Amino acid sequence: MAKFGLSAIDRTKIGVANELVEAGVPKTDIVLAFYAPYRRPYTEFAVG
């Protein structure tokens, strides 16, 4: 299973991660790489 890693700060109004979720990508497959690894468990998305 592939994971999407978003590495740039997403300053868009909706957010790329939210667009991926709306397109059917599970949150467990999306890593918010612009957050430090220790902060990722506190998001709704994958940790790594």
Protein backbone atom coordinates (compact mmCIF):
# COMPACT_ATOMS: atom_id res chain seq x y z
CA MET A 1 0.00 0.00 0.00
CA ALA A 2 1.48 3.36 -1.02
CA LYS A 3 1.57 6.35 1.24
CA PHE A 4 1.48 9.97 0.20
CA GLY A 5 3.98 12.25 1.97
CA LEU A 6 3.20 15.94 1.93
CA SER A 7 6.48 17.68 2.64
CA ALA A 8 5.79 21.36 1.99
CA ILE A 9 3.76 23.51 4.29
CA ASP A 10 0.25 23.46 2.90
CA ARG A 11 -1.02 27.01 3.07
CA THR A 12 -3.94 26.51 0.73
CA LYS A 13 -7.46 27.21 1.92
CA ILE A 14 -8.65 23.61 1.61
CA GLY A 15 -5.36 21.73 1.84
CA VAL A 16 -3.94 19.08 -0.42
CA ALA A 17 -4.42 16.39 2.22
CA ASN A 18 -8.14 17.14 2.41
CA GLU A 19 -8.40 16.99 -1.37
CA LEU A 20 -6.72 13.56 -1.33
CA VAL A 21 -9.21 12.37 1.31
CA GLU A 22 -12.11 13.64 -0.80
CA ALA A 23 -10.65 11.74 -3.77
CA GLY A 24 -10.82 8.53 -1.76
CA VAL A 25 -7.31 8.24 -0.32
CA PRO A 26 -7.50 6.95 3.27
CA LYS A 27 -6.01 9.21 5.96
CA THR A 28 -3.88 6.24 7.01
CA ASP A 29 -2.06 6.56 3.66
CA ILE A 30 -1.27 10.28 3.98
CA VAL A 31 1.75 11.47 5.98
CA LEU A 32 1.89 15.16 6.85
CA ALA A 33 5.66 15.36 6.45
CA PHE A 34 5.73 19.08 7.21
CA TYR A 35 5.07 18.11 10.84
CA ALA A 36 8.00 16.75 12.85
CA PRO A 37 7.70 12.99 13.46
CA TYR A 38 6.92 13.53 17.15
CA ARG A 39 3.87 15.67 16.23
CA ARG A 40 2.37 13.34 13.63
CA PRO A 41 0.62 11.00 16.12
CA TYR A 42 -1.53 13.98 17.16
CA THR A 43 -2.95 14.42 13.63
CA GLU A 44 -5.70 12.38 11.97
CA PHE A 45 -3.21 11.14 9.38
CA ALA A 46 -0.48 8.49 9.15
CA VAL A 47 2.69 8.86 11.20
CA GLY A 48 5.21 7.50 8.74
